[in-house]
N, C-alpha and C. Protein backbone atom coordinates (compact mmCIF):
# COMPACT_ATOMS: atom_id res chain seq x y z
N MET A 1 74.09 120.51 106.66
CA MET A 1 75.25 119.66 106.87
C MET A 1 76.42 120.17 106.04
N ASN A 2 76.92 121.29 106.42
CA ASN A 2 78.04 121.89 105.71
C ASN A 2 79.26 121.87 106.62
N ASN A 3 79.82 120.66 106.80
CA ASN A 3 81.00 120.51 107.65
C ASN A 3 82.24 120.59 106.78
N ASN A 4 83.02 121.64 106.94
CA ASN A 4 84.25 121.80 106.19
C ASN A 4 85.42 121.25 106.99
N LEU A 5 86.31 120.57 106.32
CA LEU A 5 87.51 120.04 106.98
C LEU A 5 88.59 121.11 106.98
N GLU A 6 89.39 121.08 108.02
CA GLU A 6 90.51 122.02 108.08
C GLU A 6 91.58 121.61 107.08
N ASP A 7 92.40 122.56 106.68
CA ASP A 7 93.47 122.29 105.72
C ASP A 7 94.47 121.28 106.29
N SER A 8 94.79 121.39 107.57
CA SER A 8 95.76 120.47 108.16
C SER A 8 95.23 119.04 108.16
N THR A 9 93.94 118.87 108.34
CA THR A 9 93.35 117.53 108.33
C THR A 9 93.44 116.91 106.94
N VAL A 10 93.17 117.71 105.92
CA VAL A 10 93.24 117.22 104.54
C VAL A 10 94.67 116.84 104.19
N ILE A 11 95.64 117.66 104.58
CA ILE A 11 97.05 117.38 104.30
C ILE A 11 97.49 116.11 105.00
N ILE A 12 97.07 115.91 106.23
CA ILE A 12 97.43 114.70 106.99
C ILE A 12 96.84 113.47 106.33
N VAL A 13 95.60 113.55 105.86
CA VAL A 13 94.96 112.42 105.19
C VAL A 13 95.67 112.09 103.88
N ILE A 14 96.05 113.10 103.12
CA ILE A 14 96.76 112.87 101.86
C ILE A 14 98.12 112.24 102.12
N LEU A 15 98.88 112.73 103.09
CA LEU A 15 100.18 112.16 103.42
C LEU A 15 100.06 110.73 103.92
N ALA A 16 99.05 110.46 104.74
CA ALA A 16 98.84 109.10 105.24
C ALA A 16 98.51 108.15 104.08
N THR A 17 97.70 108.62 103.14
CA THR A 17 97.36 107.80 101.97
C THR A 17 98.60 107.50 101.13
N LEU A 18 99.45 108.50 100.91
CA LEU A 18 100.68 108.29 100.15
C LEU A 18 101.61 107.31 100.86
N ILE A 19 101.73 107.41 102.16
CA ILE A 19 102.58 106.49 102.92
C ILE A 19 102.05 105.06 102.81
N ILE A 20 100.75 104.90 102.90
CA ILE A 20 100.16 103.56 102.79
C ILE A 20 100.38 102.98 101.40
N VAL A 21 100.18 103.80 100.36
CA VAL A 21 100.35 103.32 98.99
C VAL A 21 101.79 102.91 98.74
N PHE A 22 102.76 103.76 99.13
CA PHE A 22 104.16 103.41 98.89
C PHE A 22 104.60 102.22 99.73
N SER A 23 104.09 102.08 100.93
CA SER A 23 104.46 100.92 101.74
C SER A 23 103.90 99.63 101.13
N LEU A 24 102.71 99.69 100.54
CA LEU A 24 102.17 98.51 99.86
C LEU A 24 102.96 98.19 98.60
N ILE A 25 103.36 99.21 97.86
CA ILE A 25 104.13 98.97 96.63
C ILE A 25 105.46 98.31 96.97
N PHE A 26 106.18 98.84 97.96
CA PHE A 26 107.50 98.29 98.27
C PHE A 26 107.44 96.98 99.05
N SER A 27 106.34 96.69 99.69
CA SER A 27 106.23 95.41 100.38
C SER A 27 105.89 94.28 99.42
N MET A 28 105.27 94.61 98.28
CA MET A 28 104.90 93.59 97.30
C MET A 28 106.00 93.33 96.27
N ARG A 29 107.07 94.11 96.29
CA ARG A 29 108.18 93.90 95.34
C ARG A 29 108.86 92.57 95.63
N PRO A 30 109.29 91.87 94.59
CA PRO A 30 110.04 90.63 94.84
C PRO A 30 111.41 90.97 95.42
N MET A 31 111.80 90.20 96.40
CA MET A 31 113.09 90.42 97.04
C MET A 31 114.20 89.86 96.16
N GLN A 32 115.31 90.58 96.07
CA GLN A 32 116.46 90.12 95.31
C GLN A 32 117.45 89.52 96.29
N LEU A 33 117.42 88.20 96.36
CA LEU A 33 118.27 87.51 97.33
C LEU A 33 119.69 87.34 96.84
N ASN A 34 119.87 87.22 95.54
CA ASN A 34 121.22 87.05 95.02
C ASN A 34 121.74 88.37 94.49
N ASN A 35 123.02 88.58 94.61
CA ASN A 35 123.64 89.81 94.16
C ASN A 35 124.39 89.60 92.86
N GLN A 36 124.04 88.58 92.11
CA GLN A 36 124.69 88.31 90.86
C GLN A 36 124.10 89.22 89.78
N PRO A 37 124.90 89.53 88.79
CA PRO A 37 124.35 90.37 87.72
C PRO A 37 123.25 89.66 86.95
N SER A 38 122.33 90.42 86.43
CA SER A 38 121.20 89.81 85.73
C SER A 38 121.60 89.29 84.35
N ILE A 39 122.67 89.84 83.77
CA ILE A 39 123.15 89.38 82.47
C ILE A 39 124.35 88.48 82.69
N GLU A 40 124.28 87.28 82.19
CA GLU A 40 125.40 86.37 82.32
C GLU A 40 126.14 86.32 80.99
N TRP A 41 127.37 86.81 80.99
CA TRP A 41 128.17 86.85 79.79
C TRP A 41 128.78 85.48 79.53
N ARG A 42 128.77 85.10 78.29
CA ARG A 42 129.34 83.83 77.90
C ARG A 42 130.80 84.08 77.48
N ASP A 43 131.69 83.23 77.93
CA ASP A 43 133.08 83.34 77.52
C ASP A 43 133.19 83.02 76.04
N SER A 44 133.91 83.87 75.32
CA SER A 44 134.05 83.62 73.89
C SER A 44 135.13 82.56 73.66
N GLN A 45 134.85 81.68 72.73
CA GLN A 45 135.80 80.61 72.42
C GLN A 45 136.97 81.13 71.62
N ASN A 46 136.73 82.14 70.81
CA ASN A 46 137.76 82.69 69.96
C ASN A 46 138.21 84.02 70.57
N THR A 47 139.43 84.08 71.06
CA THR A 47 139.89 85.28 71.75
C THR A 47 140.75 86.16 70.88
N THR A 48 140.90 85.84 69.60
CA THR A 48 141.72 86.67 68.72
C THR A 48 140.92 87.90 68.31
N ASN A 49 141.63 88.99 68.15
CA ASN A 49 141.00 90.24 67.72
C ASN A 49 141.06 90.34 66.22
N ARG A 50 139.96 90.61 65.61
CA ARG A 50 139.89 90.75 64.17
C ARG A 50 139.62 92.21 63.81
N VAL A 51 140.24 92.66 62.76
CA VAL A 51 140.00 94.02 62.27
C VAL A 51 139.11 93.89 61.04
N VAL A 52 138.02 94.61 61.07
CA VAL A 52 137.09 94.58 59.96
C VAL A 52 137.32 95.83 59.13
N GLU A 53 137.64 95.65 57.87
CA GLU A 53 137.88 96.78 56.99
C GLU A 53 136.63 97.06 56.18
N LEU A 54 136.31 98.30 56.09
CA LEU A 54 135.13 98.70 55.33
C LEU A 54 135.49 99.14 53.94
């Protein structure tokens, strides 16, 4: 029972496996429904500029 696979068959199987893995990874990602930035900056109460001397 020495059945060798052809090179093209092995390459096709590897590519199909990669496509399946990447499709599963990207299908399980959480969808980003909002386009708002992830960091919400707080408005500063004091708008004066201070110079710090060293």
